[in-house]
Structure formats: structure tokens, C-alpha cells
């Protein structure tokens, strides 16, 4: 059994961004690209990453495109990087 114990659905869409914190969101995107490492085909570009991520796409990525059997979704505190959580 494969468990992904750290799943964070997010809304980083332009409508939910705070302009003064866009640099922080771009840093989160850069970290995503770093974490994809030797698998650049899984790296999302700006237009794919800075969105209100679709729950069905997240489900598909977790359970159809990877070996994950169980996912634990965690809420993140809103640290002011977005308007809403």
C-alpha cells in the first residue's frame, strides 16, 4: 500500500492571489519544479500551477497517474499569500 500523507489542494488562481505576495507564490512554484527533479514531464508551468486546482485532476494525478492508494489531505494556514485558503 502506498500512502501519500501530505496532499494539499490549493487555489493559486490569479483571482485568489494577493499582488504583494506574488513573488512568494512564484517561489512555491520554483520549489515544485525543483522537487520534480529528474522527471520534468511532471513539472507544471506557471499556467498549470497558478490555478484553482481542480479536485478531479488532483484525484486523477494521485490515483491514476501514480501508485498512491491512500491520500491524506492537509489544510494549510493562509499566511496571506492568497485572499482565501
PDB file of N, CA and C in Angstrom:
ATOM      1  N   UNK A   1       0.849  -1.182   0.000  1.00  0.00           N
ATOM      2  CA  UNK A   1       0.000   0.000   0.000  1.00  0.00           C
ATOM      3  C   UNK A   1       0.887   1.235   0.000  1.00  0.00           C
ATOM      4  N   UNK A   2       0.551   2.176  -0.866  1.00  0.00           N
ATOM      5  CA  UNK A   2       1.291   3.437  -0.951  1.00  0.00           C
ATOM      6  C   UNK A   2       0.405   4.541  -0.383  1.00  0.00           C
ATOM      7  N   UNK A   3       0.931   5.268   0.613  1.00  0.00           N
ATOM      8  CA  UNK A   3       0.199   6.357   1.258  1.00  0.00           C
ATOM      9  C   UNK A   3       0.925   7.669   0.978  1.00  0.00           C
ATOM     10  N   UNK A   4       0.201   8.632   0.433  1.00  0.00           N
ATOM     11  CA  UNK A   4       0.722   9.993   0.306  1.00  0.00           C
ATOM     12  C   UNK A   4       0.102  10.766   1.462  1.00  0.00           C
ATOM     13  N   UNK A   5       0.895  11.003   2.491  1.00  0.00           N
ATOM     14  CA  UNK A   5       0.384  11.584   3.727  1.00  0.00           C
ATOM     15  C   UNK A   5       0.418  13.113   3.739  1.00  0.00           C
ATOM     16  N   UNK A   6       0.826  13.721   2.642  1.00  0.00           N
ATOM     17  CA  UNK A   6       0.924  15.179   2.602  1.00  0.00           C
ATOM     18  C   UNK A   6       0.379  15.696   1.272  1.00  0.00           C
ATOM     19  N   UNK A   7      -0.941  15.817   1.180  1.00  0.00           N
ATOM     20  CA  UNK A   7      -1.597  16.312  -0.032  1.00  0.00           C
ATOM     21  C   UNK A   7      -2.237  17.655   0.298  1.00  0.00           C
ATOM     22  N   UNK A   8      -1.970  18.649  -0.550  1.00  0.00           N
ATOM     23  CA  UNK A   8      -2.506  19.989  -0.332  1.00  0.00           C
ATOM     24  C   UNK A   8      -3.241  20.481  -1.578  1.00  0.00           C
ATOM     25  N   UNK A   9      -4.566  20.376  -1.610  1.00  0.00           N
ATOM     26  CA  UNK A   9      -5.287  21.024  -2.703  1.00  0.00           C
ATOM     27  C   UNK A   9      -5.162  22.541  -2.500  1.00  0.00           C
ATOM     28  N   UNK A  10      -5.145  23.293  -3.582  1.00  0.00           N
ATOM     29  CA  UNK A  10      -4.903  24.721  -3.433  1.00  0.00           C
ATOM     30  C   UNK A  10      -5.623  25.539  -4.491  1.00  0.00           C
ATOM     31  N   UNK A  11      -5.772  26.826  -4.180  1.00  0.00           N
ATOM     32  CA  UNK A  11      -6.296  27.804  -5.137  1.00  0.00           C
ATOM     33  C   UNK A  11      -5.272  28.926  -5.243  1.00  0.00           C
ATOM     34  N   UNK A  12      -4.409  28.822  -6.250  1.00  0.00           N
ATOM     35  CA  UNK A  12      -3.409  29.861  -6.501  1.00  0.00           C
ATOM     36  C   UNK A  12      -3.776  30.651  -7.757  1.00  0.00           C
ATOM     37  N   UNK A  13      -5.067  30.642  -8.094  1.00  0.00           N
ATOM     38  CA  UNK A  13      -5.532  31.352  -9.294  1.00  0.00           C
ATOM     39  C   UNK A  13      -5.301  32.855  -9.147  1.00  0.00           C
ATOM     40  N   UNK A  14      -5.159  33.546 -10.273  1.00  0.00           N
ATOM     41  CA  UNK A  14      -4.963  35.000 -10.212  1.00  0.00           C
ATOM     42  C   UNK A  14      -6.031  35.713  -9.380  1.00  0.00           C
ATOM     43  N   UNK A  15      -7.267  35.264  -9.448  1.00  0.00           N
ATOM     44  CA  UNK A  15      -8.342  35.903  -8.678  1.00  0.00           C
ATOM     45  C   UNK A  15      -8.144  35.752  -7.173  1.00  0.00           C
ATOM     46  N   UNK A  16      -7.410  34.737  -6.749  1.00  0.00           N
ATOM     47  CA  UNK A  16      -7.194  34.485  -5.322  1.00  0.00           C
ATOM     48  C   UNK A  16      -5.828  34.976  -4.845  1.00  0.00           C
ATOM     49  N   UNK A  17      -5.012  35.472  -5.740  1.00  0.00           N
ATOM     50  CA  UNK A  17      -3.678  35.940  -5.363  1.00  0.00           C
ATOM     51  C   UNK A  17      -3.730  37.340  -4.767  1.00  0.00           C
ATOM     52  N   UNK A  18      -2.798  37.605  -3.871  1.00  0.00           N
ATOM     53  CA  UNK A  18      -2.596  38.961  -3.394  1.00  0.00           C
ATOM     54  C   UNK A  18      -1.350  39.480  -4.116  1.00  0.00           C
ATOM     55  N   UNK A  19      -1.480  40.575  -4.856  1.00  0.00           N
ATOM     56  CA  UNK A  19      -0.362  41.050  -5.685  1.00  0.00           C
ATOM     57  C   UNK A  19       0.942  41.235  -4.919  1.00  0.00           C
ATOM     58  N   UNK A  20       0.859  41.689  -3.693  1.00  0.00           N
ATOM     59  CA  UNK A  20       2.079  41.919  -2.917  1.00  0.00           C
ATOM     60  C   UNK A  20       2.800  40.625  -2.537  1.00  0.00           C
ATOM     61  N   UNK A  21       2.133  39.492  -2.707  1.00  0.00           N
ATOM     62  CA  UNK A  21       2.748  38.206  -2.368  1.00  0.00           C
ATOM     63  C   UNK A  21       2.972  37.309  -3.581  1.00  0.00           C
ATOM     64  N   UNK A  22       2.859  37.867  -4.766  1.00  0.00           N
ATOM     65  CA  UNK A  22       3.075  37.058  -5.976  1.00  0.00           C
ATOM     66  C   UNK A  22       4.479  36.448  -6.008  1.00  0.00           C
ATOM     67  N   UNK A  23       5.454  37.181  -5.533  1.00  0.00           N
ATOM     68  CA  UNK A  23       6.832  36.662  -5.512  1.00  0.00           C
ATOM     69  C   UNK A  23       6.908  35.378  -4.673  1.00  0.00           C
ATOM     70  N   UNK A  24       6.185  35.334  -3.559  1.00  0.00           N
ATOM     71  CA  UNK A  24       6.169  34.131  -2.724  1.00  0.00           C
ATOM     72  C   UNK A  24       5.529  32.968  -3.473  1.00  0.00           C
ATOM     73  N   UNK A  25       4.444  33.222  -4.205  1.00  0.00           N
ATOM     74  CA  UNK A  25       3.806  32.160  -4.976  1.00  0.00           C
ATOM     75  C   UNK A  25       4.729  31.649  -6.073  1.00  0.00           C
ATOM     76  N   UNK A  26       5.481  32.537  -6.687  1.00  0.00           N
ATOM     77  CA  UNK A  26       6.442  32.107  -7.700  1.00  0.00           C
ATOM     78  C   UNK A  26       7.554  31.274  -7.074  1.00  0.00           C
ATOM     79  N   UNK A  27       7.915  31.574  -5.834  1.00  0.00           N
ATOM     80  CA  UNK A  27       8.914  30.763  -5.126  1.00  0.00           C
ATOM     81  C   UNK A  27       8.363  29.370  -4.832  1.00  0.00           C
ATOM     82  N   UNK A  28       7.082  29.281  -4.486  1.00  0.00           N
ATOM     83  CA  UNK A  28       6.452  27.968  -4.267  1.00  0.00           C
ATOM     84  C   UNK A  28       6.466  27.176  -5.578  1.00  0.00           C
ATOM     85  N   UNK A  29       6.196  27.857  -6.680  1.00  0.00           N
ATOM     86  CA  UNK A  29       6.238  27.195  -7.980  1.00  0.00           C
ATOM     87  C   UNK A  29       7.658  26.720  -8.300  1.00  0.00           C
ATOM     88  N   UNK A  30       8.649  27.539  -8.012  1.00  0.00           N
ATOM     89  CA  UNK A  30      10.044  27.149  -8.256  1.00  0.00           C
ATOM     90  C   UNK A  30      10.402  25.916  -7.421  1.00  0.00           C
ATOM     91  N   UNK A  31       9.898  25.851  -6.192  1.00  0.00           N
ATOM     92  CA  UNK A  31      10.156  24.680  -5.340  1.00  0.00           C
ATOM     93  C   UNK A  31       9.496  23.429  -5.936  1.00  0.00           C
ATOM     94  N   UNK A  32       8.296  23.590  -6.454  1.00  0.00           N
ATOM     95  CA  UNK A  32       7.622  22.474  -7.137  1.00  0.00           C
ATOM     96  C   UNK A  32       8.507  21.942  -8.269  1.00  0.00           C
ATOM     97  N   UNK A  33       9.030  22.854  -9.075  1.00  0.00           N
ATOM     98  CA  UNK A  33       9.872  22.444 -10.203  1.00  0.00           C
ATOM     99  C   UNK A  33      11.140  21.749  -9.703  1.00  0.00           C
ATOM    100  N   UNK A  34      11.708  22.240  -8.617  1.00  0.00           N
ATOM    101  CA  UNK A  34      12.894  21.611  -8.035  1.00  0.00           C
ATOM    102  C   UNK A  34      12.572  20.193  -7.561  1.00  0.00           C
ATOM    103  N   UNK A  35      11.404  20.022  -6.945  1.00  0.00           N
ATOM    104  CA  UNK A  35      11.022  18.717  -6.392  1.00  0.00           C
ATOM    105  C   UNK A  35      10.698  17.682  -7.467  1.00  0.00           C
ATOM    106  N   UNK A  36      10.375  18.122  -8.671  1.00  0.00           N
ATOM    107  CA  UNK A  36      10.103  17.149  -9.732  1.00  0.00           C
ATOM    108  C   UNK A  36      11.393  16.499 -10.211  1.00  0.00           C
ATOM    109  N   UNK A  37      12.515  17.130  -9.881  1.00  0.00           N
ATOM    110  CA  UNK A  37      13.830  16.542 -10.142  1.00  0.00           C
ATOM    111  C   UNK A  37      14.008  16.009 -11.546  1.00  0.00           C
ATOM    112  N   UNK A  38      14.361  14.735 -11.636  1.00  0.00           N
ATOM    113  CA  UNK A  38      14.681  14.175 -12.948  1.00  0.00           C
ATOM    114  C   UNK A  38      13.453  13.834 -13.795  1.00  0.00           C
ATOM    115  N   UNK A  39      12.282  14.249 -13.367  1.00  0.00           N
ATOM    116  CA  UNK A  39      11.051  13.949 -14.101  1.00  0.00           C
ATOM    117  C   UNK A  39      10.402  15.229 -14.604  1.00  0.00           C
ATOM    118  N   UNK A  40      11.059  15.952 -15.532  1.00  0.00           N
ATOM    119  CA  UNK A  40      10.491  17.236 -15.962  1.00  0.00           C
ATOM    120  C   UNK A  40       9.126  17.112 -16.631  1.00  0.00           C
ATOM    121  N   UNK A  41       8.759  15.920 -17.091  1.00  0.00           N
ATOM    122  CA  UNK A  41       7.437  15.773 -17.709  1.00  0.00           C
ATOM    123  C   UNK A  41       6.310  15.946 -16.690  1.00  0.00           C
ATOM    124  N   UNK A  42       6.645  15.890 -15.388  1.00  0.00           N
ATOM    125  CA  UNK A  42       5.641  16.082 -14.352  1.00  0.00           C
ATOM    126  C   UNK A  42       5.624  17.509 -13.811  1.00  0.00           C
ATOM    127  N   UNK A  43       6.575  18.326 -14.226  1.00  0.00           N
ATOM    128  CA  UNK A  43       6.642  19.703 -13.747  1.00  0.00           C
ATOM    129  C   UNK A  43       5.558  20.537 -14.422  1.00  0.00           C
ATOM    130  N   UNK A  44       4.860  21.316 -13.630  1.00  0.00           N
ATOM    131  CA  UNK A  44       3.806  22.188 -14.146  1.00  0.00           C
ATOM    132  C   UNK A  44       4.390  23.560 -14.461  1.00  0.00           C
ATOM    133  N   UNK A  45       3.979  24.141 -15.586  1.00  0.00           N
ATOM    134  CA  UNK A  45       4.427  25.501 -15.884  1.00  0.00           C
ATOM    135  C   UNK A  45       3.546  26.488 -15.101  1.00  0.00           C
ATOM    136  N   UNK A  46       3.851  27.778 -15.224  1.00  0.00           N
ATOM    137  CA  UNK A  46       3.111  28.804 -14.465  1.00  0.00           C
ATOM    138  C   UNK A  46       1.609  28.706 -14.686  1.00  0.00           C
ATOM    139  N   UNK A  47       1.198  28.497 -15.937  1.00  0.00           N
ATOM    140  CA  UNK A  47      -0.231  28.474 -16.264  1.00  0.00           C
ATOM    141  C   UNK A  47      -0.934  27.226 -15.741  1.00  0.00           C
ATOM    142  N   UNK A  48      -0.193  26.185 -15.459  1.00  0.00           N
ATOM    143  CA  UNK A  48      -0.767  24.958 -14.897  1.00  0.00           C
ATOM    144  C   UNK A  48      -0.716  24.966 -13.373  1.00  0.00           C
ATOM    145  N   UNK A  49       0.256  25.662 -12.797  1.00  0.00           N
ATOM    146  CA  UNK A  49       0.464  25.655 -11.347  1.00  0.00           C
ATOM    147  C   UNK A  49      -0.333  26.745 -10.636  1.00  0.00           C
ATOM    148  N   UNK A  50      -0.356  27.944 -11.207  1.00  0.00           N
ATOM    149  CA  UNK A  50      -1.010  29.079 -10.558  1.00  0.00           C
ATOM    150  C   UNK A  50      -2.481  29.133 -10.953  1.00  0.00           C
ATOM    151  N   UNK A  51      -3.217  28.114 -10.499  1.00  0.00           N
ATOM    152  CA  UNK A  51      -4.640  27.954 -10.812  1.00  0.00           C
ATOM    153  C   UNK A  51      -5.388  27.536  -9.555  1.00  0.00           C
ATOM    154  N   UNK A  52      -6.702  27.474  -9.668  1.00  0.00           N
ATOM    155  CA  UNK A  52      -7.531  26.836  -8.646  1.00  0.00           C
ATOM    156  C   UNK A  52      -7.564  25.368  -9.058  1.00  0.00           C
ATOM    157  N   UNK A  53      -6.733  24.548  -8.422  1.00  0.00           N
ATOM    158  CA  UNK A  53      -6.533  23.173  -8.871  1.00  0.00           C
ATOM    159  C   UNK A  53      -7.818  22.372  -8.756  1.00  0.00           C
ATOM    160  N   UNK A  54      -8.202  21.768  -9.847  1.00  0.00           N
ATOM    161  CA  UNK A  54      -9.439  21.015  -9.960  1.00  0.00           C
ATOM    162  C   UNK A  54      -9.373  19.732  -9.119  1.00  0.00           C
ATOM    163  N   UNK A  55     -10.369  19.480  -8.256  1.00  0.00           N
ATOM    164  CA  UNK A  55     -10.359  18.271  -7.426  1.00  0.00           C
ATOM    165  C   UNK A  55     -10.297  16.981  -8.246  1.00  0.00           C
ATOM    166  N   UNK A  56     -10.953  16.950  -9.401  1.00  0.00           N
ATOM    167  CA  UNK A  56     -10.899  15.737 -10.229  1.00  0.00           C
ATOM    168  C   UNK A  56      -9.506  15.525 -10.813  1.00  0.00           C
ATOM    169  N   UNK A  57      -8.834  16.607 -11.178  1.00  0.00           N
ATOM    170  CA  UNK A  57      -7.463  16.495 -11.691  1.00  0.00           C
ATOM    171  C   UNK A  57      -6.529  16.006 -10.583  1.00  0.00           C
ATOM    172  N   UNK A  58      -6.739  16.495  -9.360  1.00  0.00           N
ATOM    173  CA  UNK A  58      -5.926  16.037  -8.227  1.00  0.00           C
ATOM    174  C   UNK A  58      -6.159  14.553  -7.982  1.00  0.00           C
ATOM    175  N   UNK A  59      -7.408  14.144  -8.011  1.00  0.00           N
ATOM    176  CA  UNK A  59      -7.742  12.729  -7.818  1.00  0.00           C
ATOM    177  C   UNK A  59      -7.092  11.870  -8.891  1.00  0.00           C
ATOM    178  N   UNK A  60      -7.159  12.319 -10.132  1.00  0.00           N
ATOM    179  CA  UNK A  60      -6.557  11.580 -11.243  1.00  0.00           C
ATOM    180  C   UNK A  60      -5.040  11.501 -11.088  1.00  0.00           C
ATOM    181  N   UNK A  61      -4.411  12.628 -10.739  1.00  0.00           N
ATOM    182  CA  UNK A  61      -2.957  12.638 -10.562  1.00  0.00           C
ATOM    183  C   UNK A  61      -2.531  11.694  -9.446  1.00  0.00           C
ATOM    184  N   UNK A  62      -3.292  11.670  -8.369  1.00  0.00           N
ATOM    185  CA  UNK A  62      -2.927  10.819  -7.230  1.00  0.00           C
ATOM    186  C   UNK A  62      -3.171   9.340  -7.495  1.00  0.00           C
ATOM    187  N   UNK A  63      -4.335   9.013  -8.005  1.00  0.00           N
ATOM    188  CA  UNK A  63      -4.731   7.604  -8.044  1.00  0.00           C
ATOM    189  C   UNK A  63      -4.631   6.940  -9.414  1.00  0.00           C
ATOM    190  N   UNK A  64      -4.610   7.709 -10.491  1.00  0.00           N
ATOM    191  CA  UNK A  64      -4.490   7.100 -11.819  1.00  0.00           C
ATOM    192  C   UNK A  64      -3.083   7.232 -12.387  1.00  0.00           C
ATOM    193  N   UNK A  65      -2.413   8.347 -12.047  1.00  0.00           N
ATOM    194  CA  UNK A  65      -1.096   8.602 -12.621  1.00  0.00           C
ATOM    195  C   UNK A  65       0.056   8.250 -11.689  1.00  0.00           C
ATOM    196  N   UNK A  66      -0.242   7.783 -10.505  1.00  0.00           N
ATOM    197  CA  UNK A  66       0.816   7.420  -9.558  1.00  0.00           C
ATOM    198  C   UNK A  66       0.381   6.158  -8.809  1.00  0.00           C
ATOM    199  N   UNK A  67       1.288   5.569  -8.050  1.00  0.00           N
ATOM    200  CA  UNK A  67       0.943   4.338  -7.336  1.00  0.00           C
ATOM    201  C   UNK A  67       0.222   4.560  -6.006  1.00  0.00           C
ATOM    202  N   UNK A  68      -0.241   5.782  -5.733  1.00  0.00           N
ATOM    203  CA  UNK A  68      -0.870   6.096  -4.452  1.00  0.00           C
ATOM    204  C   UNK A  68      -2.190   5.334  -4.293  1.00  0.00           C
ATOM    205  N   UNK A  69      -2.347   4.734  -3.116  1.00  0.00           N
ATOM    206  CA  UNK A  69      -3.580   4.021  -2.758  1.00  0.00           C
ATOM    207  C   UNK A  69      -4.434   4.821  -1.778  1.00  0.00           C
ATOM    208  N   UNK A  70      -3.781   5.616  -0.930  1.00  0.00           N
ATOM    209  CA  UNK A  70      -4.465   6.379   0.108  1.00  0.00           C
ATOM    210  C   UNK A  70      -3.797   7.744   0.208  1.00  0.00           C
ATOM    211  N   UNK A  71      -4.598   8.803   0.227  1.00  0.00           N
ATOM    212  CA  UNK A  71      -4.069  10.161   0.340  1.00  0.00           C
ATOM    213  C   UNK A  71      -4.669  10.835   1.565  1.00  0.00           C
ATOM    214  N   UNK A  72      -3.831  11.576   2.269  1.00  0.00           N
ATOM    215  CA  UNK A  72      -4.263  12.332   3.436  1.00  0.00           C
ATOM    216  C   UNK A  72      -4.171  13.813   3.071  1.00  0.00           C
ATOM    217  N   UNK A  73      -5.319  14.467   3.015  1.00  0.00           N
ATOM    218  CA  UNK A  73      -5.362  15.879   2.641  1.00  0.00           C
ATOM    219  C   UNK A  73      -5.185  16.730   3.890  1.00  0.00           C
ATOM    220  N   UNK A  74      -4.267  17.679   3.790  1.00  0.00           N
ATOM    221  CA  UNK A  74      -3.982  18.601   4.887  1.00  0.00           C
ATOM    222  C   UNK A  74      -4.366  20.007   4.467  1.00  0.00           C
ATOM    223  N   UNK A  75      -5.012  20.717   5.346  1.00  0.00           N
ATOM    224  CA  UNK A  75      -5.255  22.134   5.120  1.00  0.00           C
ATOM    225  C   UNK A  75      -3.984  22.882   5.500  1.00  0.00           C
ATOM    226  N   UNK A  76      -3.741  23.969   4.818  1.00  0.00           N
ATOM    227  CA  UNK A  76      -2.603  24.821   5.137  1.00  0.00           C
ATOM    228  C   UNK A  76      -3.115  26.139   5.686  1.00  0.00           C
ATOM    229  N   UNK A  77      -2.390  26.737   6.630  1.00  0.00           N
ATOM    230  CA  UNK A  77      -2.833  28.049   7.108  1.00  0.00           C
ATOM    231  C   UNK A  77      -2.683  29.084   6.000  1.00  0.00           C
ATOM    232  N   UNK A  78      -3.597  30.025   5.947  1.00  0.00           N
ATOM    233  CA  UNK A  78      -3.490  31.108   4.985  1.00  0.00           C
ATOM    234  C   UNK A  78      -2.549  32.143   5.579  1.00  0.00           C
ATOM    235  N   UNK A  79      -1.342  32.216   5.052  1.00  0.00           N
ATOM    236  CA  UNK A  79      -0.331  33.117   5.568  1.00  0.00           C
ATOM    237  C   UNK A  79      -0.315  34.452   4.815  1.00  0.00           C
ATOM    238  N   UNK A  80      -1.414  34.735   4.114  1.00  0.00           N
ATOM    239  CA  UNK A  80      -1.522  35.975   3.384  1.00  0.00           C
ATOM    240  C   UNK A  80      -1.050  35.890   1.950  1.00  0.00           C
ATOM    241  N   UNK A  81      -0.655  34.700   1.486  1.00  0.00           N
ATOM    242  CA  UNK A  81      -0.188  34.547   0.113  1.00  0.00           C
ATOM    243  C   UNK A  81      -1.362  34.562  -0.858  1.00  0.00           C
ATOM    244  N   UNK A  82      -2.539  34.241  -0.361  1.00  0.00           N
ATOM    245  CA  UNK A  82      -3.752  34.259  -1.172  1.00  0.00           C
ATOM    246  C   UNK A  82      -4.857  34.964  -0.392  1.00  0.00           C
ATOM    247  N   UNK A  83      -5.927  35.343  -1.075  1.00  0.00           N
ATOM    248  CA  UNK A  83      -7.036  36.023  -0.427  1.00  0.00           C
ATOM    249  C   UNK A  83      -7.821  35.068   0.484  1.00  0.00           C
ATOM    250  N   UNK A  84      -8.067  33.880  -0.026  1.00  0.00           N
ATOM    251  CA  UNK A  84      -8.779  32.855   0.741  1.00  0.00           C
ATOM    252  C   UNK A  84      -7.867  31.634   0.865  1.00  0.00           C
ATOM    253  N   UNK A  85      -8.306  30.660   1.617  1.00  0.00           N
ATOM    254  CA  UNK A  85      -7.482  29.460   1.812  1.00  0.00           C
ATOM    255  C   UNK A  85      -7.289  28.648   0.572  1.00  0.00           C
TER     256      UNK A  85
END
